[in-house]
Amino acid sequence: MIYDITRTVTPRLAVWPGDTQFTPAAALLKQNGSSVNLFTLTLSAHTGTHADAYYHYDDTGAHPAAMPFEHYLGTARVITVGRRSGPLTPGNLGIDSMGGVQRLLIHSHVSDLPDDQFPTQFPYLSIELIDWLAAQNVVLIGLDSPSVDAFDSKTLDCHHRLKHHGMVNLETVQLRGVPDGIYELIALPLKLDDVCGSPVRAILRTLDAM
């Protein structure tokens, strides 16, 4: 079975306050006599379900084209947490270890919010949790929250800690209806250069479907 864990990109999709709303504009239309329909898209690099590049918060960091793409595909564990806001610690996961799985997707109440609602209170990572996962060779952490740091964070400590460990992150994944368990994750960013992130089409495939 395959689960699509991507928020659908439409003009009503909520974005970070002050960021660019998705806007499609028709450049050519068949109904107007053109041979094809052709659209120009205006959107943020962090529209919907997306991957942060290190350049997002570090001027010397990699752009999406240079991020380690192998981190974005492979075995992943989905874990539901009850915490609705504040930093997540290893204890919130309810497990003793990742059992060798190198990718973690954290499912919270945010997945149940409609596409046009932006949460300012949500669970986010902690340095303790990042270090605990890094010690187990985890390479990717994905959240249904819009950030791995608190909404009002200016220092973005968790973003920087991920880079310190060579880890990558996904934000605004959509895990509604996905049972906890182990899957194959595919969530590749576009090969974009000189930008700070990329939307992804993220899917989970059950291991029996591989």
N, C-alpha and C. Protein backbone atom coordinates (compact mmCIF):
# COMPACT_ATOMS: atom_id res chain seq x y z
N MET A 1 0.85 -1.20 0.00
CA MET A 1 0.00 0.00 0.00
C MET A 1 0.88 1.24 0.00
N ILE A 2 0.41 2.27 -0.67
CA ILE A 2 1.14 3.54 -0.74
C ILE A 2 0.30 4.65 -0.09
N TYR A 3 0.94 5.42 0.78
CA TYR A 3 0.32 6.58 1.41
C TYR A 3 0.96 7.85 0.85
N ASP A 4 0.14 8.76 0.37
CA ASP A 4 0.62 10.07 -0.06
C ASP A 4 0.62 10.97 1.18
N ILE A 5 1.79 11.41 1.61
CA ILE A 5 1.89 12.22 2.83
C ILE A 5 2.26 13.67 2.49
N THR A 6 1.76 14.12 1.35
CA THR A 6 2.03 15.46 0.85
C THR A 6 0.79 16.33 0.95
N ARG A 7 0.93 17.54 1.45
CA ARG A 7 -0.17 18.51 1.40
C ARG A 7 -0.38 18.94 -0.05
N THR A 8 -1.63 18.99 -0.49
CA THR A 8 -1.94 19.42 -1.85
C THR A 8 -1.72 20.93 -1.98
N VAL A 9 -0.97 21.32 -3.00
CA VAL A 9 -0.64 22.74 -3.20
C VAL A 9 -1.76 23.41 -4.00
N THR A 10 -2.46 24.32 -3.37
CA THR A 10 -3.51 25.12 -3.99
C THR A 10 -3.37 26.55 -3.46
N PRO A 11 -4.03 27.52 -4.07
CA PRO A 11 -3.96 28.89 -3.56
C PRO A 11 -4.47 29.04 -2.12
N ARG A 12 -5.26 28.08 -1.63
CA ARG A 12 -5.77 28.19 -0.27
C ARG A 12 -4.85 27.54 0.76
N LEU A 13 -3.77 26.91 0.32
CA LEU A 13 -2.86 26.26 1.26
C LEU A 13 -2.17 27.30 2.13
N ALA A 14 -2.26 27.13 3.44
CA ALA A 14 -1.65 28.07 4.37
C ALA A 14 -0.13 28.05 4.23
N VAL A 15 0.48 29.23 4.34
CA VAL A 15 1.93 29.36 4.31
C VAL A 15 2.37 30.07 5.59
N TRP A 16 3.66 30.02 5.84
CA TRP A 16 4.22 30.75 6.99
C TRP A 16 3.83 32.22 6.87
N PRO A 17 3.37 32.84 7.95
CA PRO A 17 2.94 34.24 7.87
C PRO A 17 4.00 35.13 7.23
N GLY A 18 3.61 35.84 6.20
CA GLY A 18 4.51 36.72 5.48
C GLY A 18 5.17 36.09 4.27
N ASP A 19 5.07 34.76 4.15
CA ASP A 19 5.66 34.08 3.00
C ASP A 19 4.74 34.21 1.78
N THR A 20 5.22 33.78 0.64
CA THR A 20 4.50 33.92 -0.62
C THR A 20 3.44 32.85 -0.78
N GLN A 21 2.22 33.27 -1.03
CA GLN A 21 1.12 32.34 -1.28
C GLN A 21 1.28 31.74 -2.68
N PHE A 22 0.90 30.48 -2.82
CA PHE A 22 0.95 29.84 -4.13
C PHE A 22 -0.07 30.49 -5.07
N THR A 23 0.41 30.88 -6.26
CA THR A 23 -0.46 31.50 -7.25
C THR A 23 -0.13 30.93 -8.63
N PRO A 24 -1.07 30.22 -9.25
CA PRO A 24 -0.87 29.79 -10.63
C PRO A 24 -1.46 30.83 -11.58
N ALA A 25 -0.76 31.08 -12.68
CA ALA A 25 -1.24 32.05 -13.67
C ALA A 25 -1.14 31.44 -15.05
N ALA A 26 -2.24 31.48 -15.78
CA ALA A 26 -2.27 30.90 -17.12
C ALA A 26 -1.53 31.80 -18.11
N ALA A 27 -0.48 31.26 -18.74
CA ALA A 27 0.22 31.98 -19.80
C ALA A 27 -0.41 31.68 -21.15
N LEU A 28 -0.86 30.44 -21.33
CA LEU A 28 -1.53 30.02 -22.56
C LEU A 28 -2.70 29.11 -22.19
N LEU A 29 -3.79 29.23 -22.94
CA LEU A 29 -4.95 28.37 -22.71
C LEU A 29 -5.50 27.88 -24.04
N LYS A 30 -5.81 26.59 -24.10
CA LYS A 30 -6.40 26.03 -25.31
C LYS A 30 -7.73 26.70 -25.64
N GLN A 31 -8.50 27.06 -24.60
CA GLN A 31 -9.81 27.66 -24.86
C GLN A 31 -9.68 29.05 -25.49
N ASN A 32 -8.46 29.61 -25.40
CA ASN A 32 -8.21 30.91 -26.04
C ASN A 32 -7.50 30.77 -27.39
N GLY A 33 -7.40 29.53 -27.86
CA GLY A 33 -6.82 29.32 -29.18
C GLY A 33 -5.41 28.78 -29.20
N SER A 34 -4.78 28.62 -28.05
CA SER A 34 -3.43 28.07 -28.01
C SER A 34 -3.47 26.55 -28.19
N SER A 35 -2.35 25.98 -28.58
CA SER A 35 -2.28 24.54 -28.79
C SER A 35 -2.13 23.76 -27.49
N VAL A 36 -1.74 24.46 -26.42
CA VAL A 36 -1.53 23.82 -25.12
C VAL A 36 -2.03 24.74 -24.01
N ASN A 37 -2.20 24.17 -22.83
CA ASN A 37 -2.36 24.96 -21.60
C ASN A 37 -0.98 25.08 -20.95
N LEU A 38 -0.59 26.29 -20.57
CA LEU A 38 0.72 26.52 -19.97
C LEU A 38 0.57 27.52 -18.83
N PHE A 39 1.12 27.15 -17.67
CA PHE A 39 0.97 27.98 -16.48
C PHE A 39 2.32 28.41 -15.92
N THR A 40 2.35 29.61 -15.37
CA THR A 40 3.47 30.09 -14.57
C THR A 40 3.08 29.96 -13.10
N LEU A 41 4.00 29.44 -12.29
CA LEU A 41 3.73 29.22 -10.88
C LEU A 41 4.53 30.18 -10.03
N THR A 42 3.87 30.85 -9.11
CA THR A 42 4.54 31.67 -8.11
C THR A 42 4.35 30.99 -6.76
N LEU A 43 5.46 30.67 -6.11
CA LEU A 43 5.36 29.98 -4.82
C LEU A 43 6.66 30.13 -4.06
N SER A 44 6.60 29.87 -2.77
CA SER A 44 7.78 29.86 -1.91
C SER A 44 8.50 28.53 -2.05
N ALA A 45 9.80 28.55 -1.79
CA ALA A 45 10.57 27.30 -1.75
C ALA A 45 10.13 26.41 -0.60
N HIS A 46 9.33 26.97 0.31
CA HIS A 46 8.86 26.22 1.49
C HIS A 46 7.34 26.04 1.45
N THR A 47 6.80 25.97 0.25
CA THR A 47 5.36 25.77 0.10
C THR A 47 4.99 24.33 0.44
N GLY A 48 4.00 24.18 1.31
CA GLY A 48 3.48 22.85 1.62
C GLY A 48 4.53 21.92 2.18
N THR A 49 4.44 20.66 1.82
CA THR A 49 5.40 19.65 2.28
C THR A 49 6.73 19.91 1.58
N HIS A 50 7.77 20.14 2.36
CA HIS A 50 9.02 20.59 1.76
C HIS A 50 10.24 20.13 2.55
N ALA A 51 11.38 20.24 1.89
CA ALA A 51 12.68 19.97 2.51
C ALA A 51 13.43 21.28 2.66
N ASP A 52 13.96 21.52 3.84
CA ASP A 52 14.84 22.67 4.05
C ASP A 52 16.23 22.33 3.52
N ALA A 53 16.83 23.26 2.80
CA ALA A 53 18.26 23.15 2.49
C ALA A 53 19.04 23.85 3.59
N TYR A 54 20.29 23.46 3.76
CA TYR A 54 21.10 24.09 4.80
C TYR A 54 21.25 25.60 4.56
N TYR A 55 21.19 26.02 3.30
CA TYR A 55 21.30 27.44 2.97
C TYR A 55 20.14 28.25 3.54
N HIS A 56 19.06 27.60 3.92
CA HIS A 56 17.91 28.30 4.49
C HIS A 56 18.31 29.09 5.73
N TYR A 57 19.24 28.56 6.51
CA TYR A 57 19.63 29.20 7.77
C TYR A 57 21.13 29.36 7.93
N ASP A 58 21.90 29.05 6.89
CA ASP A 58 23.36 29.17 6.93
C ASP A 58 23.83 29.62 5.55
N ASP A 59 24.41 30.82 5.48
CA ASP A 59 24.84 31.36 4.19
C ASP A 59 25.88 30.50 3.49
N THR A 60 26.57 29.64 4.24
CA THR A 60 27.57 28.76 3.64
C THR A 60 27.01 27.36 3.38
N GLY A 61 25.74 27.16 3.67
CA GLY A 61 25.14 25.83 3.58
C GLY A 61 24.74 25.45 2.16
N ALA A 62 24.48 24.17 1.99
CA ALA A 62 24.14 23.62 0.67
C ALA A 62 22.76 24.08 0.21
N HIS A 63 22.63 24.23 -1.10
CA HIS A 63 21.34 24.44 -1.75
C HIS A 63 20.70 23.08 -2.01
N PRO A 64 19.43 23.01 -2.38
CA PRO A 64 18.79 21.71 -2.57
C PRO A 64 19.55 20.77 -3.52
N ALA A 65 20.12 21.31 -4.58
CA ALA A 65 20.82 20.47 -5.56
C ALA A 65 22.01 19.74 -4.96
N ALA A 66 22.56 20.28 -3.88
CA ALA A 66 23.75 19.68 -3.27
C ALA A 66 23.44 18.96 -1.95
N MET A 67 22.19 18.91 -1.56
CA MET A 67 21.83 18.17 -0.35
C MET A 67 21.97 16.67 -0.61
N PRO A 68 22.24 15.87 0.44
CA PRO A 68 22.43 14.42 0.26
C PRO A 68 21.11 13.72 -0.06
N PHE A 69 20.82 13.56 -1.35
CA PHE A 69 19.50 13.06 -1.75
C PHE A 69 19.21 11.66 -1.24
N GLU A 70 20.25 10.90 -0.94
CA GLU A 70 20.01 9.54 -0.43
C GLU A 70 19.35 9.55 0.94
N HIS A 71 19.44 10.67 1.65
CA HIS A 71 18.78 10.75 2.96
C HIS A 71 17.26 10.78 2.83
N TYR A 72 16.76 11.19 1.67
CA TYR A 72 15.33 11.40 1.50
C TYR A 72 14.58 10.16 1.01
N LEU A 73 15.27 9.06 0.88
CA LEU A 73 14.59 7.83 0.51
C LEU A 73 15.21 6.66 1.25
N GLY A 74 14.32 5.79 1.74
CA GLY A 74 14.76 4.63 2.51
C GLY A 74 13.77 4.32 3.62
N THR A 75 14.15 3.42 4.46
CA THR A 75 13.26 2.96 5.53
C THR A 75 13.00 4.08 6.54
N ALA A 76 11.73 4.24 6.91
CA ALA A 76 11.33 5.30 7.84
C ALA A 76 10.32 4.76 8.84
N ARG A 77 10.36 5.33 10.02
CA ARG A 77 9.43 4.93 11.08
C ARG A 77 8.47 6.08 11.37
N VAL A 78 7.18 5.79 11.40
CA VAL A 78 6.15 6.76 11.75
C VAL A 78 5.76 6.54 13.21
N ILE A 79 5.80 7.61 14.00
CA ILE A 79 5.43 7.54 15.41
C ILE A 79 4.48 8.69 15.73
N THR A 80 3.36 8.37 16.35
CA THR A 80 2.40 9.38 16.77
C THR A 80 2.74 9.87 18.17
N VAL A 81 2.70 11.18 18.37
CA VAL A 81 2.95 11.78 19.68
C VAL A 81 1.70 12.51 20.14
N GLY A 82 1.49 12.52 21.45
CA GLY A 82 0.33 13.19 22.01
C GLY A 82 0.57 14.65 22.32
N ARG A 83 1.83 15.05 22.38
CA ARG A 83 2.14 16.44 22.73
C ARG A 83 1.68 17.38 21.62
N ARG A 84 0.98 18.43 21.99
CA ARG A 84 0.40 19.35 21.00
C ARG A 84 1.23 20.62 20.81
N SER A 85 2.16 20.89 21.71
CA SER A 85 3.03 22.05 21.55
C SER A 85 4.27 21.86 22.41
N GLY A 86 5.30 22.62 22.10
CA GLY A 86 6.52 22.55 22.88
C GLY A 86 7.52 21.55 22.32
N PRO A 87 8.71 21.49 22.95
CA PRO A 87 9.78 20.63 22.44
C PRO A 87 9.52 19.16 22.72
N LEU A 88 9.85 18.33 21.75
CA LEU A 88 9.73 16.88 21.89
C LEU A 88 11.05 16.31 22.39
N THR A 89 10.96 15.38 23.31
CA THR A 89 12.13 14.69 23.84
C THR A 89 12.04 13.21 23.47
N PRO A 90 13.12 12.44 23.66
CA PRO A 90 13.04 11.01 23.38
C PRO A 90 11.89 10.32 24.11
N GLY A 91 11.57 10.77 25.31
CA GLY A 91 10.49 10.15 26.06
C GLY A 91 9.13 10.29 25.40
N ASN A 92 8.94 11.34 24.61
CA ASN A 92 7.66 11.54 23.91
C ASN A 92 7.42 10.52 22.82
N LEU A 93 8.47 9.85 22.36
CA LEU A 93 8.33 8.90 21.26
C LEU A 93 7.82 7.54 21.73
N GLY A 94 8.03 7.23 23.00
CA GLY A 94 7.54 5.97 23.54
C GLY A 94 8.29 4.75 23.05
N ILE A 95 9.54 4.93 22.66
CA ILE A 95 10.36 3.80 22.21
C ILE A 95 11.72 3.86 22.91
N ASP A 96 12.38 2.71 22.96
CA ASP A 96 13.72 2.66 23.55
C ASP A 96 14.80 3.00 22.55
N SER A 97 14.56 2.70 21.28
CA SER A 97 15.52 3.00 20.22
C SER A 97 14.79 2.98 18.88
N MET A 98 15.49 3.42 17.86
CA MET A 98 14.94 3.41 16.50
C MET A 98 15.10 2.05 15.84
N GLY A 99 15.79 1.14 16.49
CA GLY A 99 15.93 -0.21 15.96
C GLY A 99 16.63 -0.28 14.62
N GLY A 100 17.54 0.65 14.38
CA GLY A 100 18.29 0.65 13.14
C GLY A 100 17.64 1.40 11.99
N VAL A 101 16.41 1.88 12.17
CA VAL A 101 15.74 2.67 11.13
C VAL A 101 16.31 4.08 11.14
N GLN A 102 16.66 4.60 9.97
CA GLN A 102 17.41 5.85 9.89
C GLN A 102 16.58 7.09 9.58
N ARG A 103 15.27 6.92 9.49
CA ARG A 103 14.40 8.07 9.22
C ARG A 103 13.19 8.03 10.14
N LEU A 104 12.84 9.18 10.68
CA LEU A 104 11.72 9.28 11.62
C LEU A 104 10.73 10.32 11.13
N LEU A 105 9.46 9.95 11.10
CA LEU A 105 8.37 10.87 10.80
C LEU A 105 7.47 10.96 12.03
N ILE A 106 7.28 12.17 12.53
CA ILE A 106 6.53 12.38 13.77
C ILE A 106 5.13 12.90 13.43
N HIS A 107 4.13 12.15 13.86
CA HIS A 107 2.73 12.42 13.56
C HIS A 107 2.08 13.07 14.78
N SER A 108 1.57 14.28 14.62
CA SER A 108 0.89 14.98 15.71
C SER A 108 -0.50 15.41 15.24
N HIS A 109 -1.18 16.17 16.10
CA HIS A 109 -2.51 16.66 15.76
C HIS A 109 -2.50 17.60 14.55
N VAL A 110 -1.34 18.13 14.19
CA VAL A 110 -1.26 19.09 13.09
C VAL A 110 -1.72 18.45 11.77
N SER A 111 -1.54 17.14 11.63
CA SER A 111 -1.99 16.47 10.41
C SER A 111 -3.51 16.53 10.24
N ASP A 112 -4.23 16.77 11.33
CA ASP A 112 -5.69 16.83 11.26
C ASP A 112 -6.20 18.23 10.92
N LEU A 113 -5.32 19.21 10.88
CA LEU A 113 -5.75 20.58 10.57
C LEU A 113 -6.02 20.73 9.08
N PRO A 114 -7.01 21.54 8.71
CA PRO A 114 -7.28 21.77 7.28
C PRO A 114 -6.14 22.51 6.61
N ASP A 115 -6.08 22.41 5.29
CA ASP A 115 -4.97 22.99 4.53
C ASP A 115 -4.87 24.50 4.70
N ASP A 116 -5.98 25.17 4.96
CA ASP A 116 -5.96 26.63 5.03
C ASP A 116 -5.72 27.17 6.44
N GLN A 117 -5.39 26.31 7.37
CA GLN A 117 -5.16 26.73 8.76
C GLN A 117 -3.69 26.58 9.11
N PHE A 118 -3.04 27.69 9.49
CA PHE A 118 -1.63 27.66 9.87
C PHE A 118 -1.52 27.63 11.39
N PRO A 119 -0.85 26.61 11.95
CA PRO A 119 -0.70 26.55 13.41
C PRO A 119 0.50 27.36 13.89
N THR A 120 0.32 28.10 14.96
CA THR A 120 1.47 28.76 15.59
C THR A 120 1.89 28.04 16.86
N GLN A 121 1.06 27.12 17.32
CA GLN A 121 1.40 26.25 18.44
C GLN A 121 1.49 24.83 17.89
N PHE A 122 2.65 24.21 18.00
CA PHE A 122 2.84 22.87 17.46
C PHE A 122 4.04 22.22 18.15
N PRO A 123 4.12 20.90 18.12
CA PRO A 123 5.31 20.24 18.67
C PRO A 123 6.50 20.43 17.73
N TYR A 124 7.67 20.60 18.31
CA TYR A 124 8.88 20.78 17.51
C TYR A 124 10.02 20.00 18.16
N LEU A 125 11.16 19.99 17.52
CA LEU A 125 12.27 19.18 18.00
C LEU A 125 12.98 19.85 19.18
N SER A 126 13.82 19.08 19.83
CA SER A 126 14.70 19.59 20.87
C SER A 126 16.12 19.13 20.55
N ILE A 127 17.10 19.83 21.09
CA ILE A 127 18.49 19.40 20.92
C ILE A 127 18.68 18.00 21.48
N GLU A 128 18.04 17.73 22.60
CA GLU A 128 18.15 16.40 23.22
C GLU A 128 17.67 15.31 22.27
N LEU A 129 16.54 15.53 21.63
CA LEU A 129 16.00 14.53 20.73
C LEU A 129 16.88 14.37 19.49
N ILE A 130 17.33 15.48 18.93
CA ILE A 130 18.19 15.40 17.74
C ILE A 130 19.46 14.63 18.06
N ASP A 131 20.10 14.94 19.18
CA ASP A 131 21.34 14.24 19.55
C ASP A 131 21.08 12.76 19.79
N TRP A 132 19.96 12.44 20.41
CA TRP A 132 19.60 11.03 20.68
C TRP A 132 19.42 10.27 19.37
N LEU A 133 18.78 10.89 18.41
CA LEU A 133 18.57 10.25 17.12
C LEU A 133 19.87 10.18 16.31
N ALA A 134 20.68 11.24 16.37
CA ALA A 134 21.95 11.24 15.65
C ALA A 134 22.87 10.12 16.15
N ALA A 135 22.83 9.85 17.45
CA ALA A 135 23.65 8.78 18.03
C ALA A 135 23.24 7.41 17.49
N GLN A 136 22.03 7.33 16.91
CA GLN A 136 21.55 6.07 16.32
C GLN A 136 21.62 6.11 14.79
N ASN A 137 22.38 7.07 14.28
CA ASN A 137 22.61 7.18 12.83
C ASN A 137 21.35 7.54 12.04
N VAL A 138 20.41 8.21 12.68
CA VAL A 138 19.24 8.71 11.96
C VAL A 138 19.69 9.86 11.06
N VAL A 139 19.21 9.88 9.82
CA VAL A 139 19.65 10.89 8.85
C VAL A 139 18.55 11.87 8.46
N LEU A 140 17.29 11.54 8.78
CA LEU A 140 16.17 12.41 8.40
C LEU A 140 15.12 12.41 9.50
N ILE A 141 14.61 13.61 9.80
CA ILE A 141 13.47 13.76 10.70
C ILE A 141 12.41 14.58 9.97
N GLY A 142 11.19 14.06 9.92
CA GLY A 142 10.09 14.77 9.30
C GLY A 142 8.99 15.06 10.30
N LEU A 143 8.41 16.24 10.18
CA LEU A 143 7.33 16.66 11.07
C LEU A 143 6.12 17.08 10.24
N ASP A 144 4.92 16.93 10.81
CA ASP A 144 3.75 17.55 10.19
C ASP A 144 3.64 19.02 10.59
N SER A 145 4.44 19.44 11.54
CA SER A 145 4.51 20.85 11.94
C SER A 145 5.21 21.67 10.85
N PRO A 146 5.02 22.99 10.85
CA PRO A 146 5.66 23.82 9.83
C PRO A 146 7.12 24.15 10.10
N SER A 147 7.66 23.74 11.26
CA SER A 147 9.06 24.00 11.56
C SER A 147 9.57 23.00 12.58
N VAL A 148 10.88 22.74 12.52
CA VAL A 148 11.51 21.90 13.55
C VAL A 148 11.85 22.72 14.78
N ASP A 149 11.76 24.05 14.68
CA ASP A 149 11.94 24.94 15.82
C ASP A 149 10.61 25.58 16.20
N ALA A 150 10.57 26.22 17.36
CA ALA A 150 9.37 26.91 17.80
C ALA A 150 9.01 28.02 16.81
N PHE A 151 7.73 28.35 16.74
CA PHE A 151 7.24 29.36 15.80
C PHE A 151 7.98 30.69 15.95
N ASP A 152 8.28 31.08 17.18
CA ASP A 152 8.89 32.39 17.42
C ASP A 152 10.41 32.33 17.56
N SER A 153 11.02 31.20 17.23
CA SER A 153 12.48 31.08 17.35
C SER A 153 13.18 31.98 16.34
N LYS A 154 14.21 32.69 16.80
CA LYS A 154 15.03 33.51 15.92
C LYS A 154 16.41 32.88 15.70
N THR A 155 16.83 32.02 16.63
CA THR A 155 18.16 31.41 16.53
C THR A 155 18.14 30.09 15.77
N LEU A 156 16.97 29.46 15.66
CA LEU A 156 16.80 28.22 14.90
C LEU A 156 17.82 27.15 15.32
N ASP A 157 17.89 26.97 16.64
CA ASP A 157 18.89 26.05 17.19
C ASP A 157 18.74 24.62 16.66
N CYS A 158 17.51 24.16 16.50
CA CYS A 158 17.31 22.78 16.04
C CYS A 158 17.70 22.63 14.57
N HIS A 159 17.40 23.63 13.75
CA HIS A 159 17.86 23.59 12.37
C HIS A 159 19.39 23.45 12.32
N HIS A 160 20.08 24.28 13.08
CA HIS A 160 21.54 24.24 13.07
C HIS A 160 22.08 22.92 13.63
N ARG A 161 21.38 22.37 14.62
CA ARG A 161 21.84 21.09 15.18
C ARG A 161 21.71 19.96 14.17
N LEU A 162 20.65 19.99 13.38
CA LEU A 162 20.50 18.99 12.33
C LEU A 162 21.68 19.07 11.35
N LYS A 163 22.02 20.27 10.92
CA LYS A 163 23.15 20.44 10.01
C LYS A 163 24.44 19.96 10.65
N HIS A 164 24.63 20.26 11.93
CA HIS A 164 25.82 19.83 12.66
C HIS A 164 26.02 18.32 12.54
N HIS A 165 24.93 17.59 12.58
CA HIS A 165 25.00 16.12 12.51
C HIS A 165 24.89 15.60 11.07
N GLY A 166 24.75 16.48 10.09
CA GLY A 166 24.58 16.03 8.71
C GLY A 166 23.21 15.43 8.45
N MET A 167 22.23 15.81 9.27
CA MET A 167 20.87 15.31 9.13
C MET A 167 20.05 16.29 8.28
N VAL A 168 18.95 15.79 7.72
CA VAL A 168 18.04 16.63 6.93
C VAL A 168 16.65 16.57 7.55
N ASN A 169 15.79 17.49 7.13
CA ASN A 169 14.44 17.51 7.68
C ASN A 169 13.39 17.74 6.60
N LEU A 170 12.20 17.24 6.90
CA LEU A 170 11.00 17.54 6.14
C LEU A 170 10.04 18.26 7.06
N GLU A 171 9.28 19.20 6.52
CA GLU A 171 8.27 19.93 7.29
C GLU A 171 6.94 19.90 6.56
N THR A 172 5.87 20.00 7.34
CA THR A 172 4.50 20.03 6.81
C THR A 172 4.14 18.75 6.04
N VAL A 173 4.63 17.61 6.53
CA VAL A 173 4.14 16.35 5.97
C VAL A 173 2.71 16.13 6.46
N GLN A 174 1.98 15.29 5.77
CA GLN A 174 0.57 15.04 6.09
C GLN A 174 0.41 13.56 6.43
N LEU A 175 0.29 13.26 7.72
CA LEU A 175 0.29 11.87 8.18
C LEU A 175 -1.08 11.39 8.65
N ARG A 176 -2.12 12.15 8.34
CA ARG A 176 -3.46 11.71 8.72
C ARG A 176 -3.78 10.36 8.07
N GLY A 177 -4.22 9.41 8.88
CA GLY A 177 -4.61 8.11 8.37
C GLY A 177 -3.48 7.12 8.17
N VAL A 178 -2.26 7.52 8.51
CA VAL A 178 -1.12 6.61 8.37
C VAL A 178 -0.87 5.91 9.70
N PRO A 179 -1.00 4.60 9.77
CA PRO A 179 -0.73 3.89 11.03
C PRO A 179 0.75 3.98 11.40
N ASP A 180 1.03 4.00 12.69
CA ASP A 180 2.41 3.93 13.14
C ASP A 180 3.05 2.64 12.62
N GLY A 181 4.31 2.73 12.28
CA GLY A 181 5.00 1.54 11.78
C GLY A 181 6.20 1.91 10.94
N ILE A 182 6.73 0.94 10.24
CA ILE A 182 7.92 1.11 9.42
C ILE A 182 7.54 1.00 7.94
N TYR A 183 8.04 1.94 7.16
CA TYR A 183 7.70 2.07 5.74
C TYR A 183 8.96 2.37 4.93
N GLU A 184 8.78 2.40 3.62
CA GLU A 184 9.78 2.99 2.74
C GLU A 184 9.32 4.42 2.44
N LEU A 185 10.19 5.40 2.69
CA LEU A 185 9.92 6.80 2.40
C LEU A 185 10.60 7.20 1.10
N ILE A 186 9.86 7.94 0.27
CA ILE A 186 10.43 8.59 -0.91
C ILE A 186 9.95 10.03 -0.88
N ALA A 187 10.88 10.98 -0.73
CA ALA A 187 10.52 12.40 -0.60
C ALA A 187 11.63 13.27 -1.14
N LEU A 188 11.92 13.12 -2.42
CA LEU A 188 13.06 13.82 -3.01
C LEU A 188 12.76 15.29 -3.29
N PRO A 189 13.67 16.19 -2.88
CA PRO A 189 13.53 17.60 -3.28
C PRO A 189 13.90 17.76 -4.74
N LEU A 190 13.41 18.82 -5.35
CA LEU A 190 13.81 19.15 -6.72
C LEU A 190 15.29 19.54 -6.74
N LYS A 191 15.92 19.33 -7.88
CA LYS A 191 17.34 19.66 -8.02
C LYS A 191 17.49 21.15 -8.35
N LEU A 192 17.19 21.97 -7.34
CA LEU A 192 17.23 23.42 -7.47
C LEU A 192 18.53 23.96 -6.90
N ASP A 193 19.14 24.90 -7.60
CA ASP A 193 20.36 25.53 -7.11
C ASP A 193 20.05 26.97 -6.70
N ASP A 194 20.88 27.50 -5.81
CA ASP A 194 20.80 28.90 -5.39
C ASP A 194 19.48 29.27 -4.73
N VAL A 195 18.82 28.30 -4.07
CA VAL A 195 17.62 28.59 -3.30
C VAL A 195 17.72 27.88 -1.95
N CYS A 196 16.73 28.11 -1.09
CA CYS A 196 16.83 27.71 0.31
C CYS A 196 16.05 26.45 0.67
N GLY A 197 15.34 25.86 -0.27
CA GLY A 197 14.56 24.67 0.03
C GLY A 197 13.80 24.24 -1.21
N SER A 198 12.98 23.20 -1.04
CA SER A 198 12.23 22.70 -2.18
C SER A 198 10.99 21.97 -1.73
N PRO A 199 9.86 22.20 -2.41
CA PRO A 199 8.71 21.32 -2.20
C PRO A 199 9.09 19.89 -2.58
N VAL A 200 8.44 18.92 -1.93
CA VAL A 200 8.65 17.51 -2.26
C VAL A 200 7.30 16.84 -2.46
N ARG A 201 7.29 15.75 -3.21
CA ARG A 201 6.14 14.84 -3.24
C ARG A 201 6.54 13.65 -2.39
N ALA A 202 6.00 13.58 -1.19
CA ALA A 202 6.40 12.56 -0.22
C ALA A 202 5.40 11.43 -0.19
N ILE A 203 5.90 10.21 -0.29
CA ILE A 203 5.05 9.03 -0.18
C ILE A 203 5.67 8.03 0.77
N LEU A 204 4.82 7.20 1.36
CA LEU A 204 5.25 6.06 2.15
C LEU A 204 4.71 4.80 1.50
N ARG A 205 5.56 3.79 1.40
CA ARG A 205 5.14 2.52 0.84
C ARG A 205 5.33 1.43 1.89
N THR A 206 4.29 0.64 2.12
CA THR A 206 4.41 -0.44 3.09
C THR A 206 5.46 -1.43 2.60
N LEU A 207 6.16 -2.03 3.53
CA LEU A 207 7.28 -2.88 3.16
C LEU A 207 6.83 -4.11 2.39
N ASP A 208 5.60 -4.56 2.61
CA ASP A 208 5.11 -5.73 1.87
C ASP A 208 4.79 -5.40 0.42
N ALA A 209 4.81 -4.09 0.08
CA ALA A 209 4.53 -3.67 -1.29
C ALA A 209 5.81 -3.47 -2.09
N MET A 210 6.95 -3.61 -1.44
CA MET A 210 8.23 -3.38 -2.11
C MET A 210 8.61 -4.59 -2.96
